[in-house]
C-alpha atoms as a PDB file:
ATOM      1  CA  UNK A   1      49.978 119.851  71.362  1.00  0.00           C
ATOM      2  CA  UNK A   2      49.412 123.631  70.323  1.00  0.00           C
ATOM      3  CA  UNK A   3      46.555 125.411  68.550  1.00  0.00           C
ATOM      4  CA  UNK A   4      46.713 125.199  65.223  1.00  0.00           C
ATOM      5  CA  UNK A   5      49.351 127.884  63.792  1.00  0.00           C
ATOM      6  CA  UNK A   6      51.827 128.535  66.803  1.00  0.00           C
ATOM      7  CA  UNK A   7      54.356 126.901  68.596  1.00  0.00           C
ATOM      8  CA  UNK A   8      53.621 125.514  71.933  1.00  0.00           C
ATOM      9  CA  UNK A   9      53.675 127.860  74.921  1.00  0.00           C
ATOM     10  CA  UNK A  10      55.191 126.738  78.119  1.00  0.00           C
ATOM     11  CA  UNK A  11      51.840 126.215  79.729  1.00  0.00           C
ATOM     12  CA  UNK A  12      50.980 124.189  76.715  1.00  0.00           C
ATOM     13  CA  UNK A  13      53.749 122.210  76.490  1.00  0.00           C
ATOM     14  CA  UNK A  14      54.047 121.365  80.267  1.00  0.00           C
ATOM     15  CA  UNK A  15      50.376 120.303  80.289  1.00  0.00           C
ATOM     16  CA  UNK A  16      50.939 118.442  77.193  1.00  0.00           C
ATOM     17  CA  UNK A  17      53.379 116.116  79.079  1.00  0.00           C
ATOM     18  CA  UNK A  18      51.462 116.129  81.958  1.00  0.00           C
ATOM     19  CA  UNK A  19      48.573 114.021  80.502  1.00  0.00           C
ATOM     20  CA  UNK A  20      48.741 110.323  80.377  1.00  0.00           C
ATOM     21  CA  UNK A  21      48.257 108.110  77.789  1.00  0.00           C
ATOM     22  CA  UNK A  22      44.203 106.619  79.193  1.00  0.00           C
ATOM     23  CA  UNK A  23      41.726 104.080  78.018  1.00  0.00           C
ATOM     24  CA  UNK A  24      38.853 102.933  79.447  1.00  0.00           C
ATOM     25  CA  UNK A  25      38.354  99.033  80.613  1.00  0.00           C
ATOM     26  CA  UNK A  26      37.259  98.368  77.267  1.00  0.00           C
ATOM     27  CA  UNK A  27      40.953  98.991  75.944  1.00  0.00           C
ATOM     28  CA  UNK A  28      39.638 102.267  74.060  1.00  0.00           C
ATOM     29  CA  UNK A  29      40.902 106.021  73.716  1.00  0.00           C
ATOM     30  CA  UNK A  30      39.800 108.328  76.459  1.00  0.00           C
ATOM     31  CA  UNK A  31      38.905 111.556  73.966  1.00  0.00           C
ATOM     32  CA  UNK A  32      38.743 113.509  77.667  1.00  0.00           C
ATOM     33  CA  UNK A  33      41.726 113.785  79.340  1.00  0.00           C
ATOM     34  CA  UNK A  34      41.226 113.525  83.413  1.00  0.00           C
ATOM     35  CA  UNK A  35      43.501 113.550  86.504  1.00  0.00           C
ATOM     36  CA  UNK A  36      41.025 111.381  88.397  1.00  0.00           C
ATOM     37  CA  UNK A  37      38.956 108.867  86.968  1.00  0.00           C
ATOM     38  CA  UNK A  38      37.886 105.358  88.171  1.00  0.00           C
ATOM     39  CA  UNK A  39      37.016 104.148  84.548  1.00  0.00           C
ATOM     40  CA  UNK A  40      40.230 104.499  82.841  1.00  0.00           C
ATOM     41  CA  UNK A  41      43.399 103.214  82.823  1.00  0.00           C
ATOM     42  CA  UNK A  42      46.947 105.293  82.844  1.00  0.00           C
ATOM     43  CA  UNK A  43      48.082 102.505  79.923  1.00  0.00           C
ATOM     44  CA  UNK A  44      51.420 104.179  79.584  1.00  0.00           C
ATOM     45  CA  UNK A  45      52.093 103.657  83.461  1.00  0.00           C
ATOM     46  CA  UNK A  46      51.483  99.968  83.129  1.00  0.00           C
ATOM     47  CA  UNK A  47      53.029  99.286  80.587  1.00  0.00           C
ATOM     48  CA  UNK A  48      56.424 100.773  81.571  1.00  0.00           C
ATOM     49  CA  UNK A  49      55.956  99.793  85.010  1.00  0.00           C
ATOM     50  CA  UNK A  50      55.280  96.143  84.113  1.00  0.00           C
ATOM     51  CA  UNK A  51      58.489  96.410  80.956  1.00  0.00           C
ATOM     52  CA  UNK A  52      60.595  97.372  83.640  1.00  0.00           C
ATOM     53  CA  UNK A  53      59.535  95.068  86.489  1.00  0.00           C
ATOM     54  CA  UNK A  54      60.951  92.470  84.159  1.00  0.00           C
ATOM     55  CA  UNK A  55      64.169  94.266  83.389  1.00  0.00           C
ATOM     56  CA  UNK A  56      64.772  94.487  86.885  1.00  0.00           C
ATOM     57  CA  UNK A  57      64.002  90.660  87.597  1.00  0.00           C
ATOM     58  CA  UNK A  58      66.130  89.685  84.688  1.00  0.00           C
ATOM     59  CA  UNK A  59      69.161  92.244  86.523  1.00  0.00           C
ATOM     60  CA  UNK A  60      69.071  90.131  90.113  1.00  0.00           C
ATOM     61  CA  UNK A  61      68.582  86.641  88.221  1.00  0.00           C
ATOM     62  CA  UNK A  62      71.468  87.308  86.344  1.00  0.00           C
ATOM     63  CA  UNK A  63      73.531  88.317  89.188  1.00  0.00           C
ATOM     64  CA  UNK A  64      72.171  84.714  91.010  1.00  0.00           C
ATOM     65  CA  UNK A  65      72.936  83.268  88.050  1.00  0.00           C
ATOM     66  CA  UNK A  66      76.366  84.312  87.193  1.00  0.00           C
ATOM     67  CA  UNK A  67      77.244  84.025  91.059  1.00  0.00           C
ATOM     68  CA  UNK A  68      80.617  82.662  92.348  1.00  0.00           C
ATOM     69  CA  UNK A  69      82.083  81.517  95.688  1.00  0.00           C
ATOM     70  CA  UNK A  70      85.450  83.067  94.569  1.00  0.00           C
ATOM     71  CA  UNK A  71      86.387  86.602  94.492  1.00  0.00           C
ATOM     72  CA  UNK A  72      83.335  88.225  93.051  1.00  0.00           C
ATOM     73  CA  UNK A  73      83.251  90.476  89.960  1.00  0.00           C
ATOM     74  CA  UNK A  74      81.816  94.405  90.367  1.00  0.00           C
ATOM     75  CA  UNK A  75      78.226  93.427  89.299  1.00  0.00           C
ATOM     76  CA  UNK A  76      78.213  90.517  92.135  1.00  0.00           C
ATOM     77  CA  UNK A  77      79.704  92.735  94.579  1.00  0.00           C
ATOM     78  CA  UNK A  78      77.305  95.310  93.761  1.00  0.00           C
ATOM     79  CA  UNK A  79      74.322  93.344  93.988  1.00  0.00           C
ATOM     80  CA  UNK A  80      75.593  91.305  96.968  1.00  0.00           C
ATOM     81  CA  UNK A  81      75.782  94.834  98.970  1.00  0.00           C
ATOM     82  CA  UNK A  82      72.405  95.636  97.853  1.00  0.00           C
ATOM     83  CA  UNK A  83      71.135  92.192  99.089  1.00  0.00           C
ATOM     84  CA  UNK A  84      73.179  92.242 102.332  1.00  0.00           C
ATOM     85  CA  UNK A  85      71.892  96.008 103.147  1.00  0.00           C
ATOM     86  CA  UNK A  86      67.871  95.048 102.251  1.00  0.00           C
ATOM     87  CA  UNK A  87      68.477  91.509 104.724  1.00  0.00           C
ATOM     88  CA  UNK A  88      69.881  93.790 107.549  1.00  0.00           C
ATOM     89  CA  UNK A  89      67.311  96.225 107.263  1.00  0.00           C
ATOM     90  CA  UNK A  90      64.742  93.059 107.041  1.00  0.00           C
ATOM     91  CA  UNK A  91      66.025  91.984 110.156  1.00  0.00           C
ATOM     92  CA  UNK A  92      65.836  95.221 112.516  1.00  0.00           C
ATOM     93  CA  UNK A  93      62.502  95.454 111.677  1.00  0.00           C
ATOM     94  CA  UNK A  94      60.974  91.608 110.717  1.00  0.00           C
ATOM     95  CA  UNK A  95      61.745  89.703 114.106  1.00  0.00           C
ATOM     96  CA  UNK A  96      59.994  86.900 112.736  1.00  0.00           C
ATOM     97  CA  UNK A  97      62.358  84.691 110.670  1.00  0.00           C
ATOM     98  CA  UNK A  98      59.707  82.566 108.944  1.00  0.00           C
ATOM     99  CA  UNK A  99      58.211  85.759 107.632  1.00  0.00           C
ATOM    100  CA  UNK A 100      61.337  87.107 106.083  1.00  0.00           C
ATOM    101  CA  UNK A 101      61.549  84.911 103.816  1.00  0.00           C
ATOM    102  CA  UNK A 102      59.536  86.248 101.509  1.00  0.00           C
ATOM    103  CA  UNK A 103      58.923  89.733 103.330  1.00  0.00           C
ATOM    104  CA  UNK A 104      63.090  89.991 102.503  1.00  0.00           C
ATOM    105  CA  UNK A 105      63.067  89.247  98.564  1.00  0.00           C
ATOM    106  CA  UNK A 106      59.615  91.258  98.513  1.00  0.00           C
ATOM    107  CA  UNK A 107      61.809  94.035  99.837  1.00  0.00           C
ATOM    108  CA  UNK A 108      64.716  93.856  97.518  1.00  0.00           C
ATOM    109  CA  UNK A 109      62.284  93.852  94.650  1.00  0.00           C
ATOM    110  CA  UNK A 110      60.529  97.112  96.082  1.00  0.00           C
ATOM    111  CA  UNK A 111      63.282  99.068  96.303  1.00  0.00           C
ATOM    112  CA  UNK A 112      65.288  97.714  92.866  1.00  0.00           C
ATOM    113  CA  UNK A 113      61.506  97.963  91.132  1.00  0.00           C
ATOM    114  CA  UNK A 114      60.844 101.857  92.371  1.00  0.00           C
ATOM    115  CA  UNK A 115      64.316 102.869  91.740  1.00  0.00           C
ATOM    116  CA  UNK A 116      64.045 101.668  88.348  1.00  0.00           C
ATOM    117  CA  UNK A 117      61.078 103.427  87.830  1.00  0.00           C
ATOM    118  CA  UNK A 118      62.264 106.571  89.281  1.00  0.00           C
ATOM    119  CA  UNK A 119      65.640 106.208  87.353  1.00  0.00           C
ATOM    120  CA  UNK A 120      62.867 106.613  83.920  1.00  0.00           C
ATOM    121  CA  UNK A 121      63.126 110.492  85.150  1.00  0.00           C
ATOM    122  CA  UNK A 122      66.380 110.598  83.849  1.00  0.00           C
ATOM    123  CA  UNK A 123      65.637 109.904  80.313  1.00  0.00           C
ATOM    124  CA  UNK A 124      65.504 113.559  78.141  1.00  0.00           C
ATOM    125  CA  UNK A 125      62.304 114.823  78.759  1.00  0.00           C
ATOM    126  CA  UNK A 126      61.053 114.859  74.737  1.00  0.00           C
ATOM    127  CA  UNK A 127      62.782 111.748  73.878  1.00  0.00           C
ATOM    128  CA  UNK A 128      60.114 108.571  74.286  1.00  0.00           C
ATOM    129  CA  UNK A 129      57.029 111.106  73.743  1.00  0.00           C
ATOM    130  CA  UNK A 130      58.669 112.271  70.652  1.00  0.00           C
ATOM    131  CA  UNK A 131      59.140 108.590  69.723  1.00  0.00           C
ATOM    132  CA  UNK A 132      55.583 107.449  70.375  1.00  0.00           C
ATOM    133  CA  UNK A 133      54.228 110.865  68.739  1.00  0.00           C
ATOM    134  CA  UNK A 134      56.105 109.696  65.327  1.00  0.00           C
ATOM    135  CA  UNK A 135      54.509 106.320  65.801  1.00  0.00           C
ATOM    136  CA  UNK A 136      51.189 107.702  66.416  1.00  0.00           C
ATOM    137  CA  UNK A 137      51.741 109.961  63.536  1.00  0.00           C
ATOM    138  CA  UNK A 138      52.794 107.017  60.932  1.00  0.00           C
ATOM    139  CA  UNK A 139      49.594 105.452  62.111  1.00  0.00           C
ATOM    140  CA  UNK A 140      47.444 108.276  60.793  1.00  0.00           C
ATOM    141  CA  UNK A 141      46.730 109.663  63.801  1.00  0.00           C
ATOM    142  CA  UNK A 142      47.146 113.609  65.039  1.00  0.00           C
ATOM    143  CA  UNK A 143      50.694 113.549  66.736  1.00  0.00           C
ATOM    144  CA  UNK A 144      49.232 116.706  68.598  1.00  0.00           C
ATOM    145  CA  UNK A 145      47.321 114.647  70.697  1.00  0.00           C
ATOM    146  CA  UNK A 146      49.854 111.441  71.264  1.00  0.00           C
ATOM    147  CA  UNK A 147      49.740 111.537  75.005  1.00  0.00           C
ATOM    148  CA  UNK A 148      52.783 109.422  76.917  1.00  0.00           C
ATOM    149  CA  UNK A 149      54.447 109.699  80.426  1.00  0.00           C
ATOM    150  CA  UNK A 150      57.363 107.582  81.011  1.00  0.00           C
ATOM    151  CA  UNK A 151      57.374 107.768  84.507  1.00  0.00           C
ATOM    152  CA  UNK A 152      55.051 105.477  86.678  1.00  0.00           C
ATOM    153  CA  UNK A 153      55.890 106.338  89.943  1.00  0.00           C
ATOM    154  CA  UNK A 154      54.642 110.587  88.981  1.00  0.00           C
ATOM    155  CA  UNK A 155      51.435 108.691  88.831  1.00  0.00           C
ATOM    156  CA  UNK A 156      49.456 108.502  91.989  1.00  0.00           C
ATOM    157  CA  UNK A 157      47.590 105.739  90.958  1.00  0.00           C
ATOM    158  CA  UNK A 158      50.653 103.909  90.219  1.00  0.00           C
ATOM    159  CA  UNK A 159      52.108 104.537  94.102  1.00  0.00           C
ATOM    160  CA  UNK A 160      49.029 104.336  95.786  1.00  0.00           C
ATOM    161  CA  UNK A 161      48.190 100.871  93.922  1.00  0.00           C
ATOM    162  CA  UNK A 162      51.667 100.093  95.346  1.00  0.00           C
ATOM    163  CA  UNK A 163      51.260 101.102  99.008  1.00  0.00           C
ATOM    164  CA  UNK A 164      47.838  99.583  98.784  1.00  0.00           C
ATOM    165  CA  UNK A 165      49.497  96.321  98.028  1.00  0.00           C
ATOM    166  CA  UNK A 166      51.654  96.940 101.271  1.00  0.00           C
ATOM    167  CA  UNK A 167      48.279  97.542 103.293  1.00  0.00           C
ATOM    168  CA  UNK A 168      46.960  93.843 102.274  1.00  0.00           C
ATOM    169  CA  UNK A 169      50.092  92.697 103.310  1.00  0.00           C
ATOM    170  CA  UNK A 170      49.853  94.047 106.393  1.00  0.00           C
ATOM    171  CA  UNK A 171      46.491  93.075 107.052  1.00  0.00           C
ATOM    172  CA  UNK A 172      47.455  89.480 105.868  1.00  0.00           C
ATOM    173  CA  UNK A 173      50.734  89.222 108.632  1.00  0.00           C
ATOM    174  CA  UNK A 174      48.462  90.657 111.153  1.00  0.00           C
ATOM    175  CA  UNK A 175      45.766  87.905 111.013  1.00  0.00           C
ATOM    176  CA  UNK A 176      48.340  85.472 110.417  1.00  0.00           C
ATOM    177  CA  UNK A 177      50.254  86.069 113.539  1.00  0.00           C
ATOM    178  CA  UNK A 178      47.633  87.033 115.956  1.00  0.00           C
ATOM    179  CA  UNK A 179      44.733  84.571 114.223  1.00  0.00           C
ATOM    180  CA  UNK A 180      41.606  86.339 113.752  1.00  0.00           C
ATOM    181  CA  UNK A 181      40.671  86.621 116.396  1.00  0.00           C
ATOM    182  CA  UNK A 182      43.452  88.291 117.975  1.00  0.00           C
ATOM    183  CA  UNK A 183      43.594  90.652 115.459  1.00  0.00           C
ATOM    184  CA  UNK A 184      39.685  91.503 115.711  1.00  0.00           C
ATOM    185  CA  UNK A 185      40.556  91.806 119.935  1.00  0.00           C
ATOM    186  CA  UNK A 186      43.154  94.131 119.268  1.00  0.00           C
ATOM    187  CA  UNK A 187      41.118  96.224 116.431  1.00  0.00           C
ATOM    188  CA  UNK A 188      38.755  97.374 119.029  1.00  0.00           C
ATOM    189  CA  UNK A 189      40.561  97.565 122.215  1.00  0.00           C
ATOM    190  CA  UNK A 190      43.971  99.267 120.900  1.00  0.00           C
ATOM    191  CA  UNK A 191      44.895 101.856 121.455  1.00  0.00           C
ATOM    192  CA  UNK A 192      42.910 103.389 124.649  1.00  0.00           C
ATOM    193  CA  UNK A 193      41.851 100.025 126.209  1.00  0.00           C
ATOM    194  CA  UNK A 194      39.300  97.371 126.180  1.00  0.00           C
ATOM    195  CA  UNK A 195      36.123  98.968 127.704  1.00  0.00           C
ATOM    196  CA  UNK A 196      33.303  98.548 125.291  1.00  0.00           C
ATOM    197  CA  UNK A 197      32.426 102.121 125.028  1.00  0.00           C
ATOM    198  CA  UNK A 198      35.397 102.541 123.843  1.00  0.00           C
ATOM    199  CA  UNK A 199      35.279  99.878 121.049  1.00  0.00           C
ATOM    200  CA  UNK A 200      33.983 102.610 118.379  1.00  0.00           C
ATOM    201  CA  UNK A 201      36.374 104.921 118.915  1.00  0.00           C
ATOM    202  CA  UNK A 202      39.532 102.457 119.006  1.00  0.00           C
ATOM    203  CA  UNK A 203      38.088 101.181 115.600  1.00  0.00           C
ATOM    204  CA  UNK A 204      37.957 104.211 114.043  1.00  0.00           C
ATOM    205  CA  UNK A 205      41.186 105.582 114.947  1.00  0.00           C
ATOM    206  CA  UNK A 206      42.304 101.791 113.861  1.00  0.00           C
ATOM    207  CA  UNK A 207      40.889 102.806 110.427  1.00  0.00           C
ATOM    208  CA  UNK A 208      42.032 106.255 110.176  1.00  0.00           C
ATOM    209  CA  UNK A 209      45.452 104.490 110.917  1.00  0.00           C
ATOM    210  CA  UNK A 210      45.652 102.064 108.340  1.00  0.00           C
ATOM    211  CA  UNK A 211      44.223 104.751 105.842  1.00  0.00           C
ATOM    212  CA  UNK A 212      46.473 107.610 106.625  1.00  0.00           C
ATOM    213  CA  UNK A 213      49.774 105.126 106.471  1.00  0.00           C
ATOM    214  CA  UNK A 214      48.697 104.195 103.344  1.00  0.00           C
ATOM    215  CA  UNK A 215      47.473 107.503 101.990  1.00  0.00           C
ATOM    216  CA  UNK A 216      51.113 109.143 102.838  1.00  0.00           C
ATOM    217  CA  UNK A 217      53.160 106.061 102.030  1.00  0.00           C
ATOM    218  CA  UNK A 218      51.957 106.205  98.112  1.00  0.00           C
ATOM    219  CA  UNK A 219      51.848 110.049  98.211  1.00  0.00           C
ATOM    220  CA  UNK A 220      55.358 110.309  99.758  1.00  0.00           C
ATOM    221  CA  UNK A 221      56.885 109.009  96.561  1.00  0.00           C
ATOM    222  CA  UNK A 222      54.311 110.523  94.227  1.00  0.00           C
ATOM    223  CA  UNK A 223      54.867 113.597  95.033  1.00  0.00           C
ATOM    224  CA  UNK A 224      58.678 113.423  95.244  1.00  0.00           C
ATOM    225  CA  UNK A 225      58.679 112.115  91.438  1.00  0.00           C
ATOM    226  CA  UNK A 226      56.073 114.016  90.405  1.00  0.00           C
ATOM    227  CA  UNK A 227      58.116 117.501  91.398  1.00  0.00           C
ATOM    228  CA  UNK A 228      61.284 115.919  89.858  1.00  0.00           C
ATOM    229  CA  UNK A 229      59.587 115.557  86.591  1.00  0.00           C
ATOM    230  CA  UNK A 230      58.099 119.027  86.654  1.00  0.00           C
ATOM    231  CA  UNK A 231      61.586 120.699  87.368  1.00  0.00           C
ATOM    232  CA  UNK A 232      62.585 118.730  84.352  1.00  0.00           C
ATOM    233  CA  UNK A 233      60.318 120.033  82.272  1.00  0.00           C
ATOM    234  CA  UNK A 234      61.046 123.653  83.475  1.00  0.00           C
ATOM    235  CA  UNK A 235      64.620 123.022  82.600  1.00  0.00           C
ATOM    236  CA  UNK A 236      63.735 121.978  79.572  1.00  0.00           C
ATOM    237  CA  UNK A 237      61.594 125.490  78.476  1.00  0.00           C
ATOM    238  CA  UNK A 238      63.617 127.851  80.923  1.00  0.00           C
ATOM    239  CA  UNK A 239      67.203 126.061  81.755  1.00  0.00           C
ATOM    240  CA  UNK A 240      69.029 129.119  79.898  1.00  0.00           C
ATOM    241  CA  UNK A 241      66.963 131.716  80.054  1.00  0.00           C
ATOM    242  CA  UNK A 242      69.568 133.789  81.914  1.00  0.00           C
ATOM    243  CA  UNK A 243      72.193 133.176  80.010  1.00  0.00           C
ATOM    244  CA  UNK A 244      70.245 133.429  77.188  1.00  0.00           C
ATOM    245  CA  UNK A 245      70.325 137.475  78.305  1.00  0.00           C
ATOM    246  CA  UNK A 246      74.018 137.589  77.239  1.00  0.00           C
ATOM    247  CA  UNK A 247      74.142 135.711  73.962  1.00  0.00           C
ATOM    248  CA  UNK A 248      72.078 133.258  71.923  1.00  0.00           C
ATOM    249  CA  UNK A 249      74.826 130.672  71.602  1.00  0.00           C
ATOM    250  CA  UNK A 250      74.162 130.636  75.429  1.00  0.00           C
ATOM    251  CA  UNK A 251      71.202 129.005  75.638  1.00  0.00           C
ATOM    252  CA  UNK A 252      72.070 125.461  75.176  1.00  0.00           C
ATOM    253  CA  UNK A 253      75.027 126.100  77.653  1.00  0.00           C
ATOM    254  CA  UNK A 254      72.740 127.257  80.371  1.00  0.00           C
ATOM    255  CA  UNK A 255      70.079 124.432  79.650  1.00  0.00           C
ATOM    256  CA  UNK A 256      73.237 121.544  79.717  1.00  0.00           C
ATOM    257  CA  UNK A 257      74.239 122.915  82.810  1.00  0.00           C
ATOM    258  CA  UNK A 258      70.922 123.481  84.914  1.00  0.00           C
ATOM    259  CA  UNK A 259      70.153 120.142  83.379  1.00  0.00           C
ATOM    260  CA  UNK A 260      73.424 118.005  84.186  1.00  0.00           C
ATOM    261  CA  UNK A 261      73.044 119.732  88.214  1.00  0.00           C
ATOM    262  CA  UNK A 262      70.013 118.759  88.548  1.00  0.00           C
ATOM    263  CA  UNK A 263      69.803 115.013  87.323  1.00  0.00           C
ATOM    264  CA  UNK A 264      73.112 114.742  89.569  1.00  0.00           C
ATOM    265  CA  UNK A 265      71.133 115.865  92.320  1.00  0.00           C
ATOM    266  CA  UNK A 266      68.022 113.772  91.377  1.00  0.00           C
ATOM    267  CA  UNK A 267      70.342 110.732  90.964  1.00  0.00           C
ATOM    268  CA  UNK A 268      70.054 110.981  95.251  1.00  0.00           C
ATOM    269  CA  UNK A 269      66.114 112.018  94.657  1.00  0.00           C
ATOM    270  CA  UNK A 270      65.766 108.664  93.172  1.00  0.00           C
ATOM    271  CA  UNK A 271      67.603 106.512  95.077  1.00  0.00           C
ATOM    272  CA  UNK A 272      66.585 107.927  98.440  1.00  0.00           C
ATOM    273  CA  UNK A 273      62.543 107.509  97.766  1.00  0.00           C
ATOM    274  CA  UNK A 274      63.142 104.194  96.514  1.00  0.00           C
ATOM    275  CA  UNK A 275      64.872 103.413  99.948  1.00  0.00           C
ATOM    276  CA  UNK A 276      62.330 105.149 101.949  1.00  0.00           C
ATOM    277  CA  UNK A 277      59.250 103.429  99.985  1.00  0.00           C
ATOM    278  CA  UNK A 278      61.103 100.385 100.930  1.00  0.00           C
ATOM    279  CA  UNK A 279      62.238 100.836 104.171  1.00  0.00           C
ATOM    280  CA  UNK A 280      57.964 101.898 105.206  1.00  0.00           C
ATOM    281  CA  UNK A 281      57.235  98.633 103.662  1.00  0.00           C
ATOM    282  CA  UNK A 282      58.949  96.779 106.208  1.00  0.00           C
ATOM    283  CA  UNK A 283      58.128  98.875 109.276  1.00  0.00           C
ATOM    284  CA  UNK A 284      54.472  98.961 108.830  1.00  0.00           C
ATOM    285  CA  UNK A 285      55.323  94.724 108.201  1.00  0.00           C
ATOM    286  CA  UNK A 286      57.013  94.942 111.060  1.00  0.00           C
ATOM    287  CA  UNK A 287      54.576  96.396 113.454  1.00  0.00           C
ATOM    288  CA  UNK A 288      51.698  94.277 111.523  1.00  0.00           C
ATOM    289  CA  UNK A 289      53.843  91.551 114.013  1.00  0.00           C
ATOM    290  CA  UNK A 290      53.778  93.088 117.059  1.00  0.00           C
ATOM    291  CA  UNK A 291      51.061  93.859 119.241  1.00  0.00           C
ATOM    292  CA  UNK A 292      49.856  97.187 120.905  1.00  0.00           C
END
């Protein structure tokens, strides 16, 4: 993490914590770190997303398994409220009852999964990376190069992967509902009209619309979670800087206060971002069922 002989600077600390555990397609460690490289996999994002997804499925399965027809307990009541909320939103955006049988559970899964992925940001910044560094050191490697990021939604490849999956579903339902001919006809006749001269312009506009919705869908979630992760790192470094001018004892107190205030606010952020991603998923899938 730091050059030999001194503790890491603030810049070195943040840069280290923003590096992924990367491997190439042959599952070999990547020595040169990069932000965008299609030849590598951010293995930490993949593993945490899978583990958290399994946990989310288990929680929902547990709620369904323990559901009773009598007076519900708190856990069942909370899950029922969540399911009802998602179902109401699905009915508002997806008017095809057959499609809702798949899309409503999908929206519930998206909300729960992304909420849990976002909630990883609430863990202490150095907790899991420090554990990983210890394991790395026990394996005979240099712990200073043990990279580990624990918030999958602060990884652009994760959020764009999710939004691309929504795009593929939009294409699927567009063709399923309108037929291949109807969908293709709409692709070249909307939004400006069916005159042959306008076909290339319409096609270009449709492609731009699909790309813009997909990119903005993923970037919105990534930007908010990346910023939140960065703020937690800054608080870890400078949370008590102002208090430190009064007394060295105040440094950890200031750090705790700043971290607590941001964490409480961040609870709203991680919930809101999960809800927004779910709502945009429903809106885009609803648009795929409708004609221009």
